[in-house]
Amino acid sequence: MDTKKLFKHIPWVILGIIGAFCLAVVALRRGEHVSALWIVVASVSVYLVAYRYYSLYIAQKVMKLDPTRATPAVINNDGLNYVPTNRYVLFGHHFAAIAGAGPLVGPVLAAQMGYLPGTLWLLAGVVLAGAVQDFMVLFISSRR
């Protein structure tokens, strides 16, 4: 591997170590005197590393995104069923349609089992399932 490419990954490795350290503090400190800052820093670290690597992998290898490829709304523009829409409007419609039980499961789990399982459930669920499903559904719905 090229040294220049290797150095590009060092900040992400450091961010991952910071996130792992914050999760370790949350896991190993007993009692209710854990600052929410540890959870916030761990969450932001996990989300940023997942955004950089996991979402990039899904976009390039799995979905093979091509920004120059026209959507069916552009190709079949009939003014009724196929209408090119601003990306922010499309995202707003998608965001309103996906609200489900996800925001309810994490807090209920945290209330039953404690904040660490709830935090881990939210982090793993968002990174491995929720964000991937939302990303793929948004991409596929813009192609249909």
C-alpha atoms as a PDB file:
ATOM      1  CA  MET A   1       0.000   0.000   0.000  1.00  0.00           C
ATOM      2  CA  ASP A   2       1.217   3.460  -0.854  1.00  0.00           C
ATOM      3  CA  THR A   3       2.472   5.482   2.120  1.00  0.00           C
ATOM      4  CA  LYS A   4       0.385   8.483   1.096  1.00  0.00           C
ATOM      5  CA  LYS A   5      -2.785   6.364   1.107  1.00  0.00           C
ATOM      6  CA  LEU A   6      -1.830   4.926   4.474  1.00  0.00           C
ATOM      7  CA  PHE A   7      -1.463   8.380   6.034  1.00  0.00           C
ATOM      8  CA  LYS A   8      -4.971   9.298   4.846  1.00  0.00           C
ATOM      9  CA  HIS A   9      -6.388   6.586   7.122  1.00  0.00           C
ATOM     10  CA  ILE A  10      -4.523   7.621  10.291  1.00  0.00           C
ATOM     11  CA  PRO A  11      -7.049  10.301  11.392  1.00  0.00           C
ATOM     12  CA  TRP A  12      -9.855   7.768  10.979  1.00  0.00           C
ATOM     13  CA  VAL A  13      -7.964   5.186  13.038  1.00  0.00           C
ATOM     14  CA  ILE A  14      -7.421   7.781  15.770  1.00  0.00           C
ATOM     15  CA  LEU A  15     -11.117   8.676  15.664  1.00  0.00           C
ATOM     16  CA  GLY A  16     -11.994   4.981  15.976  1.00  0.00           C
ATOM     17  CA  ILE A  17      -9.686   4.605  18.975  1.00  0.00           C
ATOM     18  CA  ILE A  18     -11.296   7.638  20.627  1.00  0.00           C
ATOM     19  CA  GLY A  19     -14.746   6.138  20.034  1.00  0.00           C
ATOM     20  CA  ALA A  20     -13.671   2.757  21.420  1.00  0.00           C
ATOM     21  CA  PHE A  21     -12.177   4.446  24.491  1.00  0.00           C
ATOM     22  CA  CYS A  22     -15.400   6.371  25.114  1.00  0.00           C
ATOM     23  CA  LEU A  23     -17.461   3.190  24.808  1.00  0.00           C
ATOM     24  CA  ALA A  24     -15.072   1.463  27.219  1.00  0.00           C
ATOM     25  CA  VAL A  25     -15.551   4.262  29.747  1.00  0.00           C
ATOM     26  CA  VAL A  26     -19.327   3.887  29.458  1.00  0.00           C
ATOM     27  CA  ALA A  27     -19.071   0.095  29.795  1.00  0.00           C
ATOM     28  CA  LEU A  28     -16.622  -0.063  32.689  1.00  0.00           C
ATOM     29  CA  ARG A  29     -17.851   2.741  34.923  1.00  0.00           C
ATOM     30  CA  ARG A  30     -20.429   1.396  37.309  1.00  0.00           C
ATOM     31  CA  GLY A  31     -23.271   3.478  38.649  1.00  0.00           C
ATOM     32  CA  GLU A  32     -25.333   6.263  37.200  1.00  0.00           C
ATOM     33  CA  HIS A  33     -22.580   8.892  37.255  1.00  0.00           C
ATOM     34  CA  VAL A  34     -21.537   8.612  33.618  1.00  0.00           C
ATOM     35  CA  SER A  35     -21.451  11.837  31.672  1.00  0.00           C
ATOM     36  CA  ALA A  36     -23.504  11.966  28.483  1.00  0.00           C
ATOM     37  CA  LEU A  37     -20.451  13.441  26.757  1.00  0.00           C
ATOM     38  CA  TRP A  38     -18.850   9.968  26.629  1.00  0.00           C
ATOM     39  CA  ILE A  39     -21.882   8.589  24.799  1.00  0.00           C
ATOM     40  CA  VAL A  40     -22.055  11.558  22.421  1.00  0.00           C
ATOM     41  CA  VAL A  41     -18.352  11.365  21.519  1.00  0.00           C
ATOM     42  CA  ALA A  42     -18.558   7.585  21.038  1.00  0.00           C
ATOM     43  CA  SER A  43     -21.643   7.949  18.848  1.00  0.00           C
ATOM     44  CA  VAL A  44     -20.171  10.694  16.688  1.00  0.00           C
ATOM     45  CA  SER A  45     -16.952   8.694  16.280  1.00  0.00           C
ATOM     46  CA  VAL A  46     -18.792   5.528  15.259  1.00  0.00           C
ATOM     47  CA  TYR A  47     -21.052   7.406  12.847  1.00  0.00           C
ATOM     48  CA  LEU A  48     -18.181   9.286  11.181  1.00  0.00           C
ATOM     49  CA  VAL A  49     -16.026   6.184  10.725  1.00  0.00           C
ATOM     50  CA  ALA A  50     -19.020   4.236   9.394  1.00  0.00           C
ATOM     51  CA  TYR A  51     -19.877   7.108   7.051  1.00  0.00           C
ATOM     52  CA  ARG A  52     -16.318   7.235   5.734  1.00  0.00           C
ATOM     53  CA  TYR A  53     -15.793   3.521   5.162  1.00  0.00           C
ATOM     54  CA  TYR A  54     -19.021   1.521   5.272  1.00  0.00           C
ATOM     55  CA  SER A  55     -21.231   3.926   3.328  1.00  0.00           C
ATOM     56  CA  LEU A  56     -18.481   4.510   0.783  1.00  0.00           C
ATOM     57  CA  TYR A  57     -18.212   0.746   0.267  1.00  0.00           C
ATOM     58  CA  ILE A  58     -21.961   0.397  -0.194  1.00  0.00           C
ATOM     59  CA  ALA A  59     -22.146   3.362  -2.571  1.00  0.00           C
ATOM     60  CA  GLN A  60     -19.230   2.293  -4.767  1.00  0.00           C
ATOM     61  CA  LYS A  61     -19.263  -1.504  -4.657  1.00  0.00           C
ATOM     62  CA  VAL A  62     -22.838  -2.545  -3.902  1.00  0.00           C
ATOM     63  CA  MET A  63     -25.022   0.169  -5.454  1.00  0.00           C
ATOM     64  CA  LYS A  64     -22.443   1.397  -8.006  1.00  0.00           C
ATOM     65  CA  LEU A  65     -23.626   4.998  -7.860  1.00  0.00           C
ATOM     66  CA  ASP A  66     -23.095   7.122 -10.947  1.00  0.00           C
ATOM     67  CA  PRO A  67     -23.998  10.821 -10.658  1.00  0.00           C
ATOM     68  CA  THR A  68     -24.089  11.181 -14.445  1.00  0.00           C
ATOM     69  CA  ARG A  69     -26.781   8.516 -14.866  1.00  0.00           C
ATOM     70  CA  ALA A  70     -30.183  10.081 -15.506  1.00  0.00           C
ATOM     71  CA  THR A  71     -33.123   9.068 -13.344  1.00  0.00           C
ATOM     72  CA  PRO A  72     -36.399   7.814 -14.836  1.00  0.00           C
ATOM     73  CA  ALA A  73     -37.985  11.146 -13.875  1.00  0.00           C
ATOM     74  CA  VAL A  74     -35.627  12.874 -16.302  1.00  0.00           C
ATOM     75  CA  ILE A  75     -35.865  10.246 -19.045  1.00  0.00           C
ATOM     76  CA  ASN A  76     -39.661   9.722 -18.905  1.00  0.00           C
ATOM     77  CA  ASN A  77     -40.701  13.252 -17.900  1.00  0.00           C
ATOM     78  CA  ASP A  78     -44.445  13.334 -18.606  1.00  0.00           C
ATOM     79  CA  GLY A  79     -45.394  16.014 -16.080  1.00  0.00           C
ATOM     80  CA  LEU A  80     -47.681  13.624 -14.198  1.00  0.00           C
ATOM     81  CA  ASN A  81     -46.091  10.397 -12.987  1.00  0.00           C
ATOM     82  CA  TYR A  82     -42.479  11.245 -13.776  1.00  0.00           C
ATOM     83  CA  VAL A  83     -41.407  14.716 -12.703  1.00  0.00           C
ATOM     84  CA  PRO A  84     -37.815  15.709 -11.906  1.00  0.00           C
ATOM     85  CA  THR A  85     -37.759  16.827  -8.283  1.00  0.00           C
ATOM     86  CA  ASN A  86     -35.277  18.808  -6.246  1.00  0.00           C
ATOM     87  CA  ARG A  87     -33.102  16.444  -4.206  1.00  0.00           C
ATOM     88  CA  TYR A  88     -33.988  18.176  -0.949  1.00  0.00           C
ATOM     89  CA  VAL A  89     -37.713  17.741  -1.574  1.00  0.00           C
ATOM     90  CA  LEU A  90     -37.142  14.085  -2.452  1.00  0.00           C
ATOM     91  CA  PHE A  91     -35.140  13.586   0.736  1.00  0.00           C
ATOM     92  CA  GLY A  92     -37.886  15.270   2.779  1.00  0.00           C
ATOM     93  CA  HIS A  93     -40.548  12.973   1.358  1.00  0.00           C
ATOM     94  CA  HIS A  94     -38.363   9.941   1.988  1.00  0.00           C
ATOM     95  CA  PHE A  95     -37.524  11.043   5.519  1.00  0.00           C
ATOM     96  CA  ALA A  96     -41.210  11.538   6.364  1.00  0.00           C
ATOM     97  CA  ALA A  97     -42.111   8.105   4.976  1.00  0.00           C
ATOM     98  CA  ILE A  98     -39.495   6.060   6.877  1.00  0.00           C
ATOM     99  CA  ALA A  99     -40.337   7.065  10.437  1.00  0.00           C
ATOM    100  CA  GLY A 100     -41.182   3.796  12.137  1.00  0.00           C
ATOM    101  CA  ALA A 101     -40.520   1.874  15.325  1.00  0.00           C
ATOM    102  CA  GLY A 102     -36.755   2.463  15.259  1.00  0.00           C
ATOM    103  CA  PRO A 103     -36.793   5.539  17.527  1.00  0.00           C
ATOM    104  CA  LEU A 104     -38.926   3.602  20.018  1.00  0.00           C
ATOM    105  CA  VAL A 105     -36.874   0.414  20.363  1.00  0.00           C
ATOM    106  CA  GLY A 106     -33.652   2.026  21.642  1.00  0.00           C
ATOM    107  CA  PRO A 107     -35.182   4.009  24.529  1.00  0.00           C
ATOM    108  CA  VAL A 108     -37.374   1.065  25.584  1.00  0.00           C
ATOM    109  CA  LEU A 109     -34.336  -1.221  25.544  1.00  0.00           C
ATOM    110  CA  ALA A 110     -32.383   1.352  27.555  1.00  0.00           C
ATOM    111  CA  ALA A 111     -35.189   1.597  30.102  1.00  0.00           C
ATOM    112  CA  GLN A 112     -35.303  -2.180  30.519  1.00  0.00           C
ATOM    113  CA  MET A 113     -31.618  -3.124  30.419  1.00  0.00           C
ATOM    114  CA  GLY A 114     -29.633   0.054  31.053  1.00  0.00           C
ATOM    115  CA  TYR A 115     -28.095   2.718  28.893  1.00  0.00           C
ATOM    116  CA  LEU A 116     -25.112   0.683  27.576  1.00  0.00           C
ATOM    117  CA  PRO A 117     -27.188  -1.987  25.748  1.00  0.00           C
ATOM    118  CA  GLY A 118     -29.479   0.771  24.491  1.00  0.00           C
ATOM    119  CA  THR A 119     -26.531   2.793  23.224  1.00  0.00           C
ATOM    120  CA  LEU A 120     -24.942  -0.215  21.539  1.00  0.00           C
ATOM    121  CA  TRP A 121     -28.292  -1.175  20.002  1.00  0.00           C
ATOM    122  CA  LEU A 122     -28.726   2.314  18.561  1.00  0.00           C
ATOM    123  CA  LEU A 123     -25.161   2.521  17.252  1.00  0.00           C
ATOM    124  CA  ALA A 124     -25.108  -0.942  15.672  1.00  0.00           C
ATOM    125  CA  GLY A 125     -28.685  -0.668  14.450  1.00  0.00           C
ATOM    126  CA  VAL A 126     -28.126   2.663  12.766  1.00  0.00           C
ATOM    127  CA  VAL A 127     -24.798   1.757  11.169  1.00  0.00           C
ATOM    128  CA  LEU A 128     -25.532  -1.806  10.068  1.00  0.00           C
ATOM    129  CA  ALA A 129     -29.253  -1.735   9.363  1.00  0.00           C
ATOM    130  CA  GLY A 130     -31.079   1.586   9.521  1.00  0.00           C
ATOM    131  CA  ALA A 131     -28.761   3.807   7.527  1.00  0.00           C
ATOM    132  CA  VAL A 132     -28.067   1.095   4.956  1.00  0.00           C
ATOM    133  CA  GLN A 133     -31.754   0.355   4.456  1.00  0.00           C
ATOM    134  CA  ASP A 134     -32.651   4.042   4.182  1.00  0.00           C
ATOM    135  CA  PHE A 135     -29.817   4.712   1.753  1.00  0.00           C
ATOM    136  CA  MET A 136     -30.721   1.780  -0.472  1.00  0.00           C
ATOM    137  CA  VAL A 137     -34.459   2.517  -0.432  1.00  0.00           C
ATOM    138  CA  LEU A 138     -33.821   6.170  -1.297  1.00  0.00           C
ATOM    139  CA  PHE A 139     -31.552   5.158  -4.171  1.00  0.00           C
ATOM    140  CA  ILE A 140     -33.924   2.496  -5.482  1.00  0.00           C
ATOM    141  CA  SER A 141     -36.988   4.743  -5.171  1.00  0.00           C
ATOM    142  CA  SER A 142     -35.265   7.435  -7.213  1.00  0.00           C
ATOM    143  CA  ARG A 143     -34.682   4.838  -9.947  1.00  0.00           C
ATOM    144  CA  ARG A 144     -38.252   3.495 -10.087  1.00  0.00           C
END
